[in-house]
Amino acid sequence: MSRLVETALPSRLGTPFRWLVLSSWTTNIGDGIAVAAGPLLIASETREPFLVALGALLGYLPALLFGLFAGVVADRVDRRLLVAVSDGSRAVVIALLVTTIVTGEVNIAVVLAAIFLLGTAETFADTSASTLAPMLVPRRDLGLANARIMGGFLVGNQLAGPPIGAFLFGLGHVWPFVTQGVCVALGVLLVLRMRLPVRAEHERSEPAGVRAEMVAGLRWVLAHAAVRTLVLTILIFNITFGAAWSVLVLYSLERLHMGAVGFGLLTSALAAGGVLGMLGYGWMERHVSLGVIMRGGLVIETLTHLALAVNTLPWLAMAVMVVFGAHAFVWGTTSQAVRQRAVPLALQGRVNGVNRIATMGGIVVGSLVGGVVAGRWGVTAPFWFGFAGSAVFLVLLWRQLLHIAHADEEQADLPDPAQG
């Protein structure tokens, strides 16, 4: 058992990081359960398309509204406690939702309000949580550290959680949310076991007014060429991704004729690819340069849109999804590590807030574009849009990707937070 723990979470990453990972894995299992149970609960209360779509929008909206403010708060306070308080608030909201289900008082307004409140608390929790790894581990190990965190997200949130959530919902509408609440509460207890290095606790920004601190975070991103380009890349590629994936269910049913089970297999193939990316990330990080990883990943994403646009074979679509899933894991882990190495600790929260706005904003805009394009030109049109948009931006970005991969060199003179 000890050998397995050492392989999964090497001791050189430290005991505090192990508590962080265990907390992240636990909450991700609970959130993965809600990925399936949430839409099912909405559908049990209404079949109005606008309200169903509103439920998805309310999940993204808090990141756009509060992402940068959450970053300011994270840069001001004890980030560990901010994660605990935010996830504790989520546990309270889930408990209230469970109460309405048990008493029969639940309705669509209650569900939509709960989604917005949960999304708001999660924005603060995730913005702060993503700043903790660079406070705990050496910079050279940030790739491995992020791979372990994202691996938990992949397995819990995308692979294991949703089918468990659907199964529990079938047993009774309340059970998936009871389980989610228990997981989130347990995650709070685990993160409270973690202790930040004394030095890291003092490396926070001096309060200068919320608006001034927001502006300072934005200015830092705009002034730092590599991080600015990285955030822009995430925004653009999430627009093209969001456009295509917004109609994936229709693509599966109408283009591939796979049925509902087939659509589930497509999403499972995506998660399976992510697992392969997780298993191979350590080797790739040791043997392949970051610039090549980033260039290759965006080439894969661009060609994914093209392959799905011309394809009519279910088995080929599943193979493409496996490759894309591996890319998504590797790209997400790599870009996170690059950004963490480049950004000073005192600005990590605000820069993560800007990045979160770009991430969610791109998906929202892309989803709207995908719906319009598919309605006018057919279900494959968003994939052609994704291919064309990704290809153009990739050409413009090609030279900059090598510079992005070495963004941390601009902060090379900063001391390592995990040392001394």
Protein backbone atom coordinates (compact mmCIF):
# COMPACT_ATOMS: atom_id res chain seq x y z
CA MET A 1 0.00 0.00 0.00
CA SER A 2 2.80 2.41 0.91
CA ARG A 3 4.43 1.78 -2.47
CA LEU A 4 1.14 2.57 -4.22
CA VAL A 5 0.79 5.81 -2.25
CA GLU A 6 4.38 6.76 -3.06
CA THR A 7 3.76 6.17 -6.77
CA ALA A 8 0.53 8.16 -6.83
CA LEU A 9 1.65 10.92 -4.46
CA PRO A 10 5.45 10.96 -4.09
CA SER A 11 6.64 11.95 -0.64
CA ARG A 12 8.78 14.73 -2.10
CA LEU A 13 5.56 16.62 -2.82
CA GLY A 14 4.96 16.78 0.92
CA THR A 15 2.20 15.79 3.34
CA PRO A 16 0.27 19.10 2.96
CA PHE A 17 -0.01 18.47 -0.78
CA ARG A 18 -1.34 14.97 -0.12
CA TRP A 19 -4.12 16.45 2.03
CA LEU A 20 -4.88 18.93 -0.77
CA VAL A 21 -5.13 16.16 -3.36
CA LEU A 22 -7.33 13.98 -1.15
CA SER A 23 -9.65 16.92 -0.58
CA SER A 24 -9.77 17.68 -4.30
CA TRP A 25 -10.45 14.06 -5.25
CA THR A 26 -13.25 13.75 -2.70
CA THR A 27 -15.08 16.91 -3.72
CA ASN A 28 -14.69 16.02 -7.41
CA ILE A 29 -16.45 12.70 -6.87
CA GLY A 30 -19.36 14.59 -5.28
CA ASP A 31 -19.43 17.17 -8.06
CA GLY A 32 -19.26 14.44 -10.69
CA ILE A 33 -22.35 12.86 -9.15
CA ALA A 34 -24.13 16.20 -9.55
CA VAL A 35 -23.02 16.46 -13.21
CA ALA A 36 -25.63 13.81 -14.03
CA ALA A 37 -28.08 14.33 -11.16
CA GLY A 38 -28.42 18.12 -11.62
CA PRO A 39 -29.81 18.02 -15.18
CA LEU A 40 -32.00 15.05 -14.25
CA LEU A 41 -33.48 17.04 -11.35
CA ILE A 42 -34.16 19.99 -13.65
CA ALA A 43 -35.82 17.70 -16.20
CA SER A 44 -37.97 16.21 -13.44
CA GLU A 45 -39.30 19.70 -12.63
CA THR A 46 -39.70 21.11 -16.15
CA ARG A 47 -39.32 20.19 -19.81
CA GLU A 48 -39.28 23.83 -20.95
CA PRO A 49 -36.14 24.14 -23.16
CA PHE A 50 -35.43 27.71 -22.01
CA LEU A 51 -35.39 26.71 -18.33
CA VAL A 52 -33.26 23.65 -19.04
CA ALA A 53 -30.74 25.81 -20.91
CA LEU A 54 -30.92 28.41 -18.14
CA GLY A 55 -29.80 25.76 -15.67
CA ALA A 56 -26.61 25.21 -17.67
CA LEU A 57 -26.02 28.95 -18.05
CA LEU A 58 -26.42 29.60 -14.33
CA GLY A 59 -23.65 27.10 -13.69
CA TYR A 60 -21.20 29.14 -15.81
CA LEU A 61 -22.40 32.64 -14.97
CA PRO A 62 -20.82 33.04 -11.49
CA ALA A 63 -17.32 32.55 -12.92
CA LEU A 64 -17.92 35.43 -15.33
CA LEU A 65 -19.46 37.68 -12.69
CA PHE A 66 -17.20 36.95 -9.74
CA GLY A 67 -14.04 35.36 -11.14
CA LEU A 68 -11.79 38.39 -10.77
CA PHE A 69 -13.27 39.41 -7.41
CA ALA A 70 -12.71 35.86 -6.17
CA GLY A 71 -9.09 36.26 -7.22
CA VAL A 72 -8.77 39.47 -5.21
CA VAL A 73 -10.16 37.73 -2.13
CA ALA A 74 -7.82 34.77 -2.63
CA ASP A 75 -4.83 37.11 -2.79
CA ARG A 76 -5.88 38.83 0.46
CA VAL A 77 -6.76 36.00 2.82
CA ASP A 78 -5.65 32.55 3.93
CA ARG A 79 -6.35 30.59 0.75
CA ARG A 80 -6.76 27.29 2.57
CA LEU A 81 -9.49 28.78 4.77
CA LEU A 82 -11.15 30.38 1.73
CA VAL A 83 -11.43 26.95 0.10
CA ALA A 84 -12.85 25.50 3.33
CA VAL A 85 -15.40 28.30 3.81
CA SER A 86 -16.48 28.24 0.16
CA ASP A 87 -16.93 24.47 0.07
CA GLY A 88 -18.60 24.62 3.48
CA SER A 89 -21.09 27.09 1.99
CA ARG A 90 -21.71 24.66 -0.84
CA ALA A 91 -22.44 21.91 1.66
CA VAL A 92 -25.02 24.17 3.35
CA VAL A 93 -26.74 24.97 0.04
CA ILE A 94 -26.82 21.27 -0.86
CA ALA A 95 -28.34 20.49 2.55
CA LEU A 96 -31.08 23.06 1.95
CA LEU A 97 -31.77 21.60 -1.50
CA VAL A 98 -31.98 18.13 0.02
CA THR A 99 -34.47 19.44 2.58
CA THR A 100 -36.75 20.82 -0.13
CA ILE A 101 -36.63 17.50 -2.00
CA VAL A 102 -37.44 15.48 1.12
CA THR A 103 -40.31 17.77 2.12
CA GLY A 104 -41.71 17.97 -1.41
CA GLU A 105 -41.17 21.75 -1.60
CA VAL A 106 -38.64 21.59 -4.40
CA ASN A 107 -39.49 23.39 -7.65
CA ILE A 108 -37.62 24.70 -10.67
CA ALA A 109 -37.02 28.10 -9.06
CA VAL A 110 -35.39 26.44 -6.04
CA VAL A 111 -33.22 24.25 -8.26
CA LEU A 112 -32.05 27.17 -10.43
CA ALA A 113 -31.28 29.29 -7.36
CA ALA A 114 -29.28 26.41 -5.88
CA ILE A 115 -27.29 26.03 -9.10
CA PHE A 116 -26.36 29.72 -9.08
CA LEU A 117 -25.37 29.71 -5.40
CA LEU A 118 -23.35 26.53 -5.80
CA GLY A 119 -21.61 27.98 -8.86
CA THR A 120 -20.78 31.16 -6.93
CA ALA A 121 -19.25 29.28 -4.01
CA GLU A 122 -17.39 26.98 -6.39
CA THR A 123 -15.89 29.99 -8.18
CA PHE A 124 -14.29 31.16 -4.93
CA ALA A 125 -13.24 27.62 -3.95
CA ASP A 126 -11.66 26.73 -7.30
CA THR A 127 -9.95 30.09 -7.78
CA SER A 128 -8.29 29.76 -4.39
CA ALA A 129 -7.59 26.01 -4.62
CA SER A 130 -5.63 26.44 -7.85
CA THR A 131 -3.20 28.76 -6.03
CA LEU A 132 -2.29 26.23 -3.34
CA ALA A 133 -0.06 23.83 -5.30
CA PRO A 134 2.66 26.44 -6.06
CA MET A 135 2.67 27.31 -2.35
CA LEU A 136 3.36 23.68 -1.40
CA VAL A 137 5.64 22.06 -4.00
CA PRO A 138 8.83 23.08 -5.84
CA ARG A 139 8.37 24.59 -9.28
CA ARG A 140 10.04 21.64 -10.96
CA ASP A 141 7.24 19.38 -9.61
CA LEU A 142 4.27 21.56 -10.54
CA GLY A 143 3.56 19.50 -13.67
CA LEU A 144 3.34 16.30 -11.65
CA ALA A 145 1.33 18.01 -8.90
CA ASN A 146 -1.23 19.36 -11.37
CA ALA A 147 -1.42 16.00 -13.12
CA ARG A 148 -2.46 14.39 -9.83
CA ILE A 149 -5.08 17.06 -9.12
CA MET A 150 -6.49 16.98 -12.65
CA GLY A 151 -6.44 13.19 -12.60
CA GLY A 152 -8.83 13.29 -9.66
CA PHE A 153 -11.05 15.71 -11.55
CA LEU A 154 -11.03 13.44 -14.58
CA VAL A 155 -11.81 10.21 -12.74
CA GLY A 156 -14.22 11.66 -10.17
CA ASN A 157 -15.94 14.44 -12.08
CA GLN A 158 -16.10 12.96 -15.56
CA LEU A 159 -15.62 9.19 -15.43
CA ALA A 160 -16.97 7.72 -12.18
CA GLY A 161 -19.20 10.46 -10.78
CA PRO A 162 -21.83 10.88 -13.54
CA PRO A 163 -22.90 7.20 -13.80
CA ILE A 164 -23.02 6.98 -10.00
CA GLY A 165 -25.16 10.13 -9.94
CA ALA A 166 -27.57 8.73 -12.53
CA PHE A 167 -27.83 5.44 -10.63
CA LEU A 168 -28.49 7.18 -7.30
CA PHE A 169 -31.09 9.44 -8.92
CA GLY A 170 -32.90 6.33 -10.10
CA LEU A 171 -33.06 5.12 -6.48
CA GLY A 172 -34.54 8.44 -5.35
CA HIS A 173 -34.09 12.08 -6.30
CA VAL A 174 -32.55 12.97 -2.98
CA TRP A 175 -29.74 10.39 -2.82
CA PRO A 176 -27.22 11.87 -5.27
CA PHE A 177 -27.38 15.24 -3.51
CA VAL A 178 -27.02 13.66 -0.07
CA THR A 179 -23.93 11.89 -1.37
CA GLN A 180 -22.57 15.07 -2.95
CA GLY A 181 -23.08 16.97 0.30
CA VAL A 182 -21.21 14.31 2.27
CA CYS A 183 -18.31 14.38 -0.22
CA VAL A 184 -18.05 18.17 -0.16
CA ALA A 185 -18.17 18.26 3.65
CA LEU A 186 -15.49 15.57 3.86
CA GLY A 187 -13.38 17.60 1.42
CA VAL A 188 -13.60 20.56 3.81
CA LEU A 189 -12.31 18.43 6.70
CA LEU A 190 -9.44 17.13 4.57
CA VAL A 191 -8.30 20.55 3.35
CA LEU A 192 -8.33 21.82 6.93
CA ARG A 193 -5.76 19.12 7.77
CA MET A 194 -3.36 20.84 5.36
CA ARG A 195 -0.90 23.40 6.69
CA LEU A 196 0.72 26.05 4.48
CA PRO A 197 4.42 26.84 4.86
CA VAL A 198 4.94 29.77 7.25
CA ARG A 199 6.65 31.75 4.52
CA ALA A 200 3.82 31.16 2.04
CA GLU A 201 1.23 32.41 4.54
CA HIS A 202 2.93 35.82 4.53
CA GLU A 203 3.27 36.18 0.75
CA ARG A 204 -0.05 37.91 0.16
CA SER A 205 -0.85 41.20 -1.49
CA GLU A 206 -1.35 44.31 0.61
CA PRO A 207 -5.00 45.48 0.38
CA ALA A 208 -5.30 48.51 -1.88
CA GLY A 209 -9.02 48.56 -2.63
CA VAL A 210 -10.93 45.89 -4.54
CA ARG A 211 -11.14 47.85 -7.78
CA ALA A 212 -7.45 48.77 -7.69
CA GLU A 213 -6.47 45.15 -7.06
CA MET A 214 -8.66 43.93 -9.92
CA VAL A 215 -7.02 46.46 -12.24
CA ALA A 216 -3.57 45.41 -11.01
CA GLY A 217 -4.33 41.78 -11.84
CA LEU A 218 -5.60 42.63 -15.32
CA ARG A 219 -2.63 44.89 -15.97
CA TRP A 220 -0.19 42.18 -14.93
CA VAL A 221 -1.77 39.72 -17.37
CA LEU A 222 -1.77 42.27 -20.20
CA ALA A 223 1.86 43.22 -19.53
CA HIS A 224 3.16 39.64 -19.34
CA ALA A 225 3.40 38.55 -22.98
CA ALA A 226 3.44 34.80 -22.36
CA VAL A 227 0.61 34.65 -19.83
CA ARG A 228 -1.43 37.12 -21.89
CA THR A 229 -1.09 34.89 -24.95
CA LEU A 230 -1.89 31.80 -22.89
CA VAL A 231 -5.12 33.34 -21.57
CA LEU A 232 -6.07 34.48 -25.09
CA THR A 233 -5.40 30.97 -26.38
CA ILE A 234 -7.70 29.48 -23.76
CA LEU A 235 -10.41 31.99 -24.66
CA ILE A 236 -10.24 31.40 -28.43
CA PHE A 237 -9.92 27.63 -28.30
CA ASN A 238 -12.78 27.40 -25.80
CA ILE A 239 -14.96 29.37 -28.20
CA THR A 240 -14.24 26.86 -30.97
CA PHE A 241 -14.54 23.96 -28.51
CA GLY A 242 -17.80 25.29 -27.06
CA ALA A 243 -19.33 25.76 -30.51
CA ALA A 244 -18.66 22.15 -31.52
CA TRP A 245 -19.43 20.49 -28.20
CA SER A 246 -22.70 22.40 -27.76
CA VAL A 247 -24.24 20.20 -30.49
CA LEU A 248 -22.34 16.99 -29.73
CA VAL A 249 -25.50 15.20 -28.63
CA LEU A 250 -27.24 16.12 -31.91
CA TYR A 251 -24.12 15.14 -33.87
CA SER A 252 -24.18 11.74 -32.16
CA LEU A 253 -27.87 11.16 -32.84
CA GLU A 254 -28.28 12.66 -36.31
CA ARG A 255 -24.84 12.30 -37.93
CA LEU A 256 -23.55 9.09 -36.37
CA HIS A 257 -26.96 7.52 -35.54
CA MET A 258 -25.54 6.17 -32.27
CA GLY A 259 -28.58 6.72 -30.05
CA ALA A 260 -28.58 7.78 -26.41
CA VAL A 261 -26.26 4.95 -25.34
CA GLY A 262 -23.86 5.87 -28.12
CA PHE A 263 -23.71 9.45 -26.91
CA GLY A 264 -22.78 8.15 -23.49
CA LEU A 265 -20.02 6.06 -25.09
CA LEU A 266 -18.63 9.17 -26.80
CA THR A 267 -18.31 10.99 -23.49
CA SER A 268 -16.82 7.87 -21.91
CA ALA A 269 -14.26 7.70 -24.73
CA LEU A 270 -13.32 11.30 -23.95
CA ALA A 271 -12.75 10.42 -20.29
CA ALA A 272 -10.84 7.25 -21.22
CA GLY A 273 -8.49 9.36 -23.32
CA GLY A 274 -7.98 11.61 -20.34
CA VAL A 275 -6.95 8.61 -18.25
CA LEU A 276 -4.37 7.68 -20.90
CA GLY A 277 -3.09 11.25 -20.82
CA MET A 278 -2.84 11.08 -17.04
CA LEU A 279 -0.90 7.79 -17.12
CA GLY A 280 1.53 9.04 -19.74
CA TYR A 281 2.01 12.59 -18.52
CA GLY A 282 5.03 11.91 -16.31
CA TRP A 283 6.97 10.27 -19.15
CA MET A 284 5.95 12.99 -21.59
CA GLU A 285 7.03 15.78 -19.26
CA ARG A 286 10.45 14.16 -18.85
CA HIS A 287 11.08 13.43 -22.53
CA VAL A 288 9.19 16.06 -24.55
CA SER A 289 9.75 19.81 -24.38
CA LEU A 290 6.87 21.98 -23.18
CA GLY A 291 6.86 23.89 -26.46
CA VAL A 292 6.37 20.68 -28.45
CA ILE A 293 3.66 19.51 -26.05
CA MET A 294 1.75 22.77 -26.45
CA ARG A 295 2.15 22.95 -30.22
CA GLY A 296 1.21 19.30 -30.67
CA GLY A 297 -1.82 19.63 -28.42
CA LEU A 298 -3.32 22.52 -30.34
CA VAL A 299 -2.67 20.72 -33.64
CA ILE A 300 -4.59 17.73 -32.25
CA GLU A 301 -7.47 19.96 -31.15
CA THR A 302 -7.65 21.64 -34.56
CA LEU A 303 -7.61 18.32 -36.43
CA THR A 304 -10.25 16.90 -34.04
CA HIS A 305 -12.79 19.41 -35.36
CA LEU A 306 -11.91 18.50 -38.97
CA ALA A 307 -12.09 14.76 -38.35
CA LEU A 308 -15.51 14.99 -36.72
CA ALA A 309 -16.79 17.35 -39.43
CA VAL A 310 -16.12 14.84 -42.24
CA ASN A 311 -16.71 11.61 -40.32
CA THR A 312 -19.84 9.44 -40.34
CA LEU A 313 -18.42 6.33 -38.62
CA PRO A 314 -19.18 5.81 -34.91
CA TRP A 315 -16.00 3.83 -34.19
CA LEU A 316 -13.82 6.51 -35.76
CA ALA A 317 -15.56 9.23 -33.78
CA MET A 318 -14.86 7.31 -30.57
CA ALA A 319 -11.18 6.94 -31.50
CA VAL A 320 -10.97 10.68 -32.17
CA MET A 321 -12.56 11.37 -28.78
CA VAL A 322 -9.97 9.18 -27.02
CA VAL A 323 -7.14 11.16 -28.63
CA PHE A 324 -8.85 14.47 -27.85
CA GLY A 325 -9.40 13.43 -24.23
CA ALA A 326 -5.69 12.66 -23.82
CA HIS A 327 -4.82 16.04 -25.34
CA ALA A 328 -7.28 17.89 -23.10
CA PHE A 329 -5.70 16.41 -19.98
CA VAL A 330 -2.12 17.09 -21.09
CA TRP A 331 -2.89 20.63 -22.27
CA GLY A 332 -4.81 21.53 -19.11
CA THR A 333 -2.07 20.18 -16.85
CA THR A 334 0.73 21.83 -18.82
CA SER A 335 -0.90 25.25 -19.15
CA GLN A 336 -1.72 25.27 -15.43
CA ALA A 337 1.89 24.46 -14.52
CA VAL A 338 3.27 27.10 -16.91
CA ARG A 339 0.98 29.76 -15.47
CA GLN A 340 1.76 28.81 -11.87
CA ARG A 341 5.51 29.00 -12.50
CA ALA A 342 5.25 32.40 -14.17
CA VAL A 343 2.89 34.23 -11.80
CA PRO A 344 4.10 35.65 -8.45
CA LEU A 345 2.35 34.13 -5.43
CA ALA A 346 0.80 37.46 -4.46
CA LEU A 347 -1.00 37.62 -7.85
CA GLN A 348 -1.94 33.96 -8.28
CA GLY A 349 -5.57 34.47 -7.25
CA ARG A 350 -6.26 37.38 -9.59
CA VAL A 351 -4.50 35.81 -12.57
CA ASN A 352 -6.42 32.58 -11.96
CA GLY A 353 -9.59 34.70 -11.86
CA VAL A 354 -8.78 36.22 -15.25
CA ASN A 355 -8.02 32.76 -16.63
CA ARG A 356 -11.29 31.38 -15.25
CA ILE A 357 -13.25 34.21 -16.89
CA ALA A 358 -11.56 33.43 -20.22
CA THR A 359 -12.23 29.71 -19.83
CA MET A 360 -15.92 29.99 -18.97
CA GLY A 361 -16.52 32.99 -21.20
CA GLY A 362 -15.15 31.12 -24.20
CA ILE A 363 -17.43 28.14 -23.57
CA VAL A 364 -20.50 30.37 -23.15
CA VAL A 365 -19.79 32.37 -26.32
CA GLY A 366 -18.93 29.22 -28.24
CA SER A 367 -22.13 27.48 -27.16
CA LEU A 368 -24.19 30.42 -28.40
CA VAL A 369 -22.29 30.47 -31.71
CA GLY A 370 -22.65 26.72 -32.10
CA GLY A 371 -26.41 26.86 -31.63
CA VAL A 372 -26.83 29.62 -34.22
CA VAL A 373 -24.48 28.04 -36.77
CA ALA A 374 -26.02 24.57 -36.42
CA GLY A 375 -29.53 25.98 -36.76
CA ARG A 376 -28.60 27.71 -40.02
CA TRP A 377 -26.17 25.32 -41.72
CA GLY A 378 -26.62 21.95 -40.05
CA VAL A 379 -25.14 19.88 -37.25
CA THR A 380 -21.63 19.62 -38.74
CA ALA A 381 -21.29 23.37 -39.29
CA PRO A 382 -20.02 24.09 -35.72
CA PHE A 383 -17.22 21.56 -36.26
CA TRP A 384 -16.20 23.31 -39.49
CA PHE A 385 -16.30 26.59 -37.57
CA GLY A 386 -14.15 25.04 -34.87
CA PHE A 387 -11.63 23.76 -37.41
CA ALA A 388 -11.36 27.05 -39.31
CA GLY A 389 -11.16 29.21 -36.19
CA SER A 390 -8.62 26.94 -34.48
CA ALA A 391 -6.46 26.67 -37.61
CA VAL A 392 -6.28 30.42 -38.16
CA PHE A 393 -5.41 31.14 -34.54
CA LEU A 394 -2.88 28.29 -34.43
CA VAL A 395 -1.00 29.77 -37.40
CA LEU A 396 -0.93 33.19 -35.71
CA LEU A 397 0.15 31.65 -32.41
CA TRP A 398 2.72 29.12 -33.65
CA ARG A 399 5.89 31.07 -32.82
CA GLN A 400 4.56 32.34 -29.51
CA LEU A 401 3.96 28.84 -28.16
CA LEU A 402 7.66 28.30 -27.51
CA HIS A 403 7.81 31.59 -25.60
CA ILE A 404 4.74 30.61 -23.56
CA ALA A 405 6.38 27.34 -22.59
CA HIS A 406 9.26 29.30 -21.01
CA ALA A 407 7.09 31.91 -19.33
CA ASP A 408 8.53 31.02 -15.94
CA GLU A 409 11.93 32.36 -16.97
CA GLU A 410 10.56 35.87 -16.56
CA GLN A 411 10.04 35.03 -12.88
CA ALA A 412 13.24 33.01 -12.49
CA ASP A 413 14.62 35.49 -9.98
CA LEU A 414 11.73 34.90 -7.56
CA PRO A 415 12.44 32.51 -4.66
CA ASP A 416 10.85 29.07 -4.71
CA PRO A 417 7.91 29.14 -2.24
CA ALA A 418 8.49 25.55 -1.31
CA GLN A 419 12.12 26.11 -0.39
CA GLY A 420 13.53 27.71 2.75
